[in-house]
Amino acid sequence: MTGADTARTVIGIIGNVISFALFASPSPTFWRIWKKRSVEEFSPDPYLATVMNCMFWIFYGLPVVHPNSTLVVTINSIGLAVELIYLTIYFVFAPNKGRLKVIGVLCLELAFMAAVVVVTLTKLHTHASRSNLVGIFCVVFGVLMYASPLTVMKKVITTKSVEYMPFYLSLTNFLNGVIWLTYALIQFDLYITIGNGLGAVSGAIQLILYACYYKSTPKDKEGKEKGKSSEVELASPKRLNKPTPQATAANTAA
């Protein structure tokens, strides 16, 4: 094993740890749902998007598509399992409308994924062509996952408050993007580079915004409690637009 291979493996392992932290960051949201026996107005959209992202990266990392990407497969397999646990909890406590949405979107995702797998394995016969097709989908869904915390940017700028800015999610987004970008550059991988380069930029923008408005955020007791909860929870845009919302908070994987 060359020095570059060793460095790539070490960075990939670090990336797996950071990615796991990213996947685990929404856990307080689901602990809240479990305790209250209600999903309130939390949205399943970020978790549905992450399921799709993880499925594509798992497929991308398989030897039949892109050899020597074991670490990409392992972390996204873990991420897929975690997201399915989140969605199961959501499904149990959601109203019928929410349950139908979860089932409907998951069925569409599975159908789309199956179609891509069939086309890739039957119509494309080289690693390069398979990697190109699957890699494009990985970039699209990876960017959607990384950008999910940006939905609160307008709220932060309007209120000049970071009460609703998920700081730890933004931080892990940034670190995850940087570490996987480094991993991709050591042994150049275009699609991991694009997806995680954009992820690092997205995370940096979020952290800069947080720094700009942190001092103007109300420091009263209620504000602190809301801010603390918002750092680790994601809520739907509908919830964030309420004048007196409860605490809110999630992208990615490779």
Protein backbone atom coordinates (compact mmCIF):
# COMPACT_ATOMS: atom_id res chain seq x y z
CA MET A 1 0.00 0.00 0.00
CA THR A 2 1.45 3.38 -1.03
CA GLY A 3 1.63 6.45 1.17
CA ALA A 4 -1.26 8.01 -0.75
CA ASP A 5 -3.39 4.91 -0.23
CA THR A 6 -2.61 4.91 3.50
CA ALA A 7 -3.43 8.61 3.84
CA ARG A 8 -6.68 8.13 1.91
CA THR A 9 -7.68 5.22 4.15
CA VAL A 10 -6.95 7.18 7.35
CA ILE A 11 -8.87 10.23 6.13
CA GLY A 12 -11.72 7.98 5.00
CA ILE A 13 -11.96 6.49 8.49
CA ILE A 14 -12.04 10.00 10.01
CA GLY A 15 -14.68 10.88 7.42
CA ASN A 16 -16.75 7.90 8.54
CA VAL A 17 -16.67 9.14 12.13
CA ILE A 18 -17.69 12.69 11.18
CA SER A 19 -20.37 11.42 8.81
CA PHE A 20 -21.79 9.30 11.62
CA ALA A 21 -21.98 12.43 13.79
CA LEU A 22 -23.82 14.14 10.94
CA PHE A 23 -26.30 11.29 10.65
CA ALA A 24 -26.78 11.20 14.43
CA SER A 25 -27.38 14.95 14.81
CA PRO A 26 -31.20 14.73 14.40
CA SER A 27 -31.53 12.19 17.24
CA PRO A 28 -32.79 14.80 19.78
CA THR A 29 -35.64 15.59 17.38
CA PHE A 30 -36.76 11.98 17.38
CA TRP A 31 -36.28 11.61 21.11
CA ARG A 32 -38.67 14.56 21.45
CA ILE A 33 -41.15 12.91 19.07
CA TRP A 34 -40.89 9.65 21.02
CA LYS A 35 -41.51 11.36 24.38
CA LYS A 36 -44.43 13.46 23.12
CA ARG A 37 -45.89 10.65 21.04
CA SER A 38 -46.41 13.21 18.29
CA VAL A 39 -44.46 14.50 15.29
CA GLU A 40 -46.01 17.94 15.87
CA GLU A 41 -45.06 19.89 12.72
CA PHE A 42 -41.68 18.32 12.07
CA SER A 43 -41.10 17.36 8.46
CA PRO A 44 -39.79 13.98 7.22
CA ASP A 45 -38.38 15.60 4.06
CA PRO A 46 -34.70 15.88 5.15
CA TYR A 47 -34.65 12.23 6.18
CA LEU A 48 -36.33 11.05 2.99
CA ALA A 49 -33.75 13.01 0.98
CA THR A 50 -30.90 11.50 3.00
CA VAL A 51 -32.23 7.97 2.40
CA MET A 52 -32.02 8.59 -1.34
CA ASN A 53 -28.55 10.10 -1.00
CA CYS A 54 -27.26 7.12 1.00
CA MET A 55 -28.71 4.56 -1.43
CA PHE A 56 -26.97 6.16 -4.37
CA TRP A 57 -23.62 6.42 -2.59
CA ILE A 58 -23.84 2.77 -1.53
CA PHE A 59 -24.44 1.78 -5.15
CA TYR A 60 -21.67 4.12 -6.33
CA GLY A 61 -19.16 2.52 -3.96
CA LEU A 62 -19.86 -1.07 -4.98
CA PRO A 63 -17.05 -2.82 -6.94
CA VAL A 64 -19.29 -3.20 -10.00
CA VAL A 65 -19.58 0.60 -10.27
CA HIS A 66 -16.56 2.23 -8.62
CA PRO A 67 -13.92 -0.14 -7.16
CA ASN A 68 -11.84 0.66 -4.07
CA SER A 69 -14.58 2.68 -2.36
CA THR A 70 -15.28 0.45 0.64
CA LEU A 71 -15.33 3.33 3.13
CA VAL A 72 -17.95 5.12 1.06
CA VAL A 73 -20.17 2.03 1.23
CA THR A 74 -19.72 1.44 4.96
CA ILE A 75 -20.66 4.91 6.19
CA ASN A 76 -23.60 5.26 3.85
CA SER A 77 -24.89 1.83 4.86
CA ILE A 78 -24.81 3.01 8.47
CA GLY A 79 -26.43 6.29 7.45
CA LEU A 80 -29.19 4.49 5.57
CA ALA A 81 -29.96 2.34 8.62
CA VAL A 82 -30.06 5.40 10.90
CA GLU A 83 -32.37 7.33 8.56
CA LEU A 84 -34.74 4.38 8.27
CA ILE A 85 -34.92 4.23 12.08
CA TYR A 86 -35.80 7.95 12.13
CA LEU A 87 -38.50 7.45 9.51
CA THR A 88 -39.91 4.46 11.39
CA ILE A 89 -40.29 6.58 14.52
CA TYR A 90 -41.85 9.35 12.45
CA PHE A 91 -44.24 6.87 10.82
CA VAL A 92 -45.39 5.46 14.17
CA PHE A 93 -46.42 8.85 15.56
CA ALA A 94 -47.43 10.69 12.39
CA PRO A 95 -51.04 11.32 11.35
CA ASN A 96 -52.38 9.37 8.38
CA LYS A 97 -51.39 12.12 5.95
CA GLY A 98 -47.79 12.01 7.17
CA ARG A 99 -47.69 8.21 6.98
CA LEU A 100 -48.99 8.22 3.42
CA LYS A 101 -46.32 10.76 2.47
CA VAL A 102 -43.52 8.64 3.92
CA ILE A 103 -44.77 5.47 2.21
CA GLY A 104 -45.38 7.25 -1.09
CA VAL A 105 -41.99 8.95 -1.24
CA LEU A 106 -40.11 5.81 -0.18
CA CYS A 107 -41.88 3.80 -2.88
CA LEU A 108 -40.96 6.40 -5.51
CA GLU A 109 -37.35 6.43 -4.30
CA LEU A 110 -37.09 2.64 -4.41
CA ALA A 111 -38.63 2.52 -7.88
CA PHE A 112 -36.26 5.21 -9.16
CA MET A 113 -33.27 3.53 -7.53
CA ALA A 114 -34.22 0.18 -9.03
CA ALA A 115 -34.53 1.74 -12.49
CA VAL A 116 -31.08 3.33 -12.22
CA VAL A 117 -29.55 0.03 -11.02
CA VAL A 118 -31.08 -1.91 -13.91
CA VAL A 119 -29.99 0.64 -16.53
CA THR A 120 -26.50 0.91 -15.06
CA LEU A 121 -25.83 -2.82 -14.90
CA THR A 122 -27.45 -3.79 -18.19
CA LYS A 123 -26.69 -0.87 -20.50
CA LEU A 124 -23.31 0.33 -19.23
CA HIS A 125 -20.38 -2.04 -19.29
CA THR A 126 -17.37 -0.13 -17.96
CA HIS A 127 -16.54 1.23 -14.52
CA ALA A 128 -16.05 4.69 -16.00
CA SER A 129 -19.47 4.88 -17.64
CA ARG A 130 -21.22 3.44 -14.58
CA SER A 131 -19.40 5.80 -12.25
CA ASN A 132 -20.35 8.78 -14.42
CA LEU A 133 -24.08 8.02 -14.40
CA VAL A 134 -24.39 7.08 -10.74
CA GLY A 135 -21.99 9.86 -9.70
CA ILE A 136 -24.23 12.53 -11.22
CA PHE A 137 -27.17 11.35 -9.12
CA CYS A 138 -24.92 11.20 -6.04
CA VAL A 139 -23.93 14.84 -6.52
CA VAL A 140 -27.54 15.99 -6.96
CA PHE A 141 -28.87 14.25 -3.86
CA GLY A 142 -25.74 15.05 -1.84
CA VAL A 143 -26.13 18.76 -2.52
CA LEU A 144 -29.79 18.60 -1.49
CA MET A 145 -28.78 16.97 1.80
CA TYR A 146 -25.99 19.44 2.52
CA ALA A 147 -28.16 22.45 1.67
CA SER A 148 -31.08 21.51 3.92
CA PRO A 149 -30.03 23.79 6.85
CA LEU A 150 -29.89 26.75 4.44
CA THR A 151 -33.69 26.86 4.55
CA VAL A 152 -33.47 28.85 7.78
CA MET A 153 -31.11 31.51 6.38
CA LYS A 154 -33.92 33.90 5.49
CA LYS A 155 -35.33 33.56 9.00
CA VAL A 156 -31.93 34.25 10.56
CA ILE A 157 -31.32 37.34 8.42
CA THR A 158 -34.85 38.69 8.94
CA THR A 159 -34.85 38.27 12.72
CA LYS A 160 -31.10 38.90 13.17
CA SER A 161 -31.16 35.89 15.45
CA VAL A 162 -29.59 32.41 15.25
CA GLU A 163 -32.20 30.83 17.53
CA TYR A 164 -33.29 28.70 14.59
CA MET A 165 -29.86 28.07 13.05
CA PRO A 166 -28.82 24.41 13.66
CA PHE A 167 -25.21 25.13 14.66
CA TYR A 168 -23.99 21.58 15.25
CA LEU A 169 -25.61 20.39 12.05
CA SER A 170 -23.91 23.24 10.17
CA LEU A 171 -20.58 22.44 11.82
CA THR A 172 -20.75 18.73 11.02
CA ASN A 173 -21.85 19.56 7.46
CA PHE A 174 -18.72 21.70 7.06
CA LEU A 175 -16.34 19.17 8.62
CA ASN A 176 -17.90 16.31 6.69
CA GLY A 177 -17.54 18.22 3.42
CA VAL A 178 -13.90 19.13 4.09
CA ILE A 179 -12.78 15.65 5.13
CA TRP A 180 -14.44 13.87 2.21
CA LEU A 181 -13.17 16.53 -0.20
CA THR A 182 -9.65 15.78 1.04
CA TYR A 183 -10.32 12.06 0.65
CA ALA A 184 -11.40 12.61 -2.97
CA LEU A 185 -8.44 14.80 -3.88
CA ILE A 186 -5.79 12.34 -2.67
CA GLN A 187 -6.90 9.84 -5.31
CA PHE A 188 -8.99 12.09 -7.50
CA ASP A 189 -12.68 11.29 -7.63
CA LEU A 190 -14.68 13.90 -9.53
CA TYR A 191 -18.08 13.21 -8.01
CA ILE A 192 -16.99 12.98 -4.39
CA THR A 193 -15.00 16.18 -5.01
CA ILE A 194 -17.96 18.11 -6.45
CA GLY A 195 -20.53 16.93 -3.92
CA ASN A 196 -18.39 17.46 -0.85
CA GLY A 197 -16.74 20.62 -2.15
CA LEU A 198 -20.20 22.15 -2.39
CA GLY A 199 -20.98 20.68 1.02
CA ALA A 200 -17.95 22.38 2.56
CA VAL A 201 -18.95 25.71 0.98
CA SER A 202 -22.52 25.29 2.21
CA GLY A 203 -21.34 24.54 5.74
CA ALA A 204 -18.94 27.51 5.69
CA ILE A 205 -21.76 29.87 4.63
CA GLN A 206 -23.92 28.60 7.47
CA LEU A 207 -21.13 29.07 10.04
CA ILE A 208 -20.36 32.59 8.78
CA LEU A 209 -24.03 33.49 9.05
CA TYR A 210 -24.11 32.09 12.58
CA ALA A 211 -21.07 34.15 13.56
CA CYS A 212 -22.59 37.32 12.08
CA TYR A 213 -25.86 37.10 14.01
CA TYR A 214 -24.82 35.28 17.19
CA LYS A 215 -24.30 38.49 19.18
CA SER A 216 -27.65 39.96 18.13
CA THR A 217 -29.53 36.85 19.27
CA PRO A 218 -31.67 37.41 22.42
CA LYS A 219 -29.88 35.99 25.44
CA ASP A 220 -32.90 35.62 27.73
CA LYS A 221 -33.58 32.21 29.28
CA GLU A 222 -36.26 31.29 26.79
CA GLY A 223 -34.05 32.32 23.90
CA LYS A 224 -31.20 30.20 25.18
CA GLU A 225 -33.43 27.16 25.49
CA LYS A 226 -34.76 27.66 21.98
CA GLY A 227 -31.29 28.24 20.62
CA LYS A 228 -29.92 25.15 22.26
CA SER A 229 -32.68 22.96 20.89
CA SER A 230 -32.44 24.50 17.45
CA GLU A 231 -28.79 23.53 17.19
CA VAL A 232 -29.66 19.88 16.91
CA GLU A 233 -33.17 19.81 15.48
CA LEU A 234 -34.71 20.38 12.09
CA ALA A 235 -38.28 21.48 11.61
CA SER A 236 -40.36 22.05 8.53
CA PRO A 237 -40.41 25.56 6.97
CA LYS A 238 -44.04 25.82 8.10
CA ARG A 239 -42.94 25.46 11.70
CA LEU A 240 -40.17 28.02 11.35
CA ASN A 241 -42.52 30.64 10.01
CA LYS A 242 -44.66 30.66 13.14
CA PRO A 243 -44.19 33.74 15.34
CA THR A 244 -43.62 31.68 18.49
CA PRO A 245 -42.32 28.27 17.37
CA GLN A 246 -41.00 25.57 19.60
CA ALA A 247 -37.42 24.40 19.31
CA THR A 248 -36.39 23.27 15.81
CA ALA A 249 -33.45 21.48 13.99
CA ALA A 250 -31.10 17.31 10.71
CA ASN A 251 -27.22 16.36 4.96
CA THR A 252 -25.72 14.33 4.06
CA ALA A 253 -23.25 11.44 3.05
CA ALA A 254 -20.39 11.21 1.05
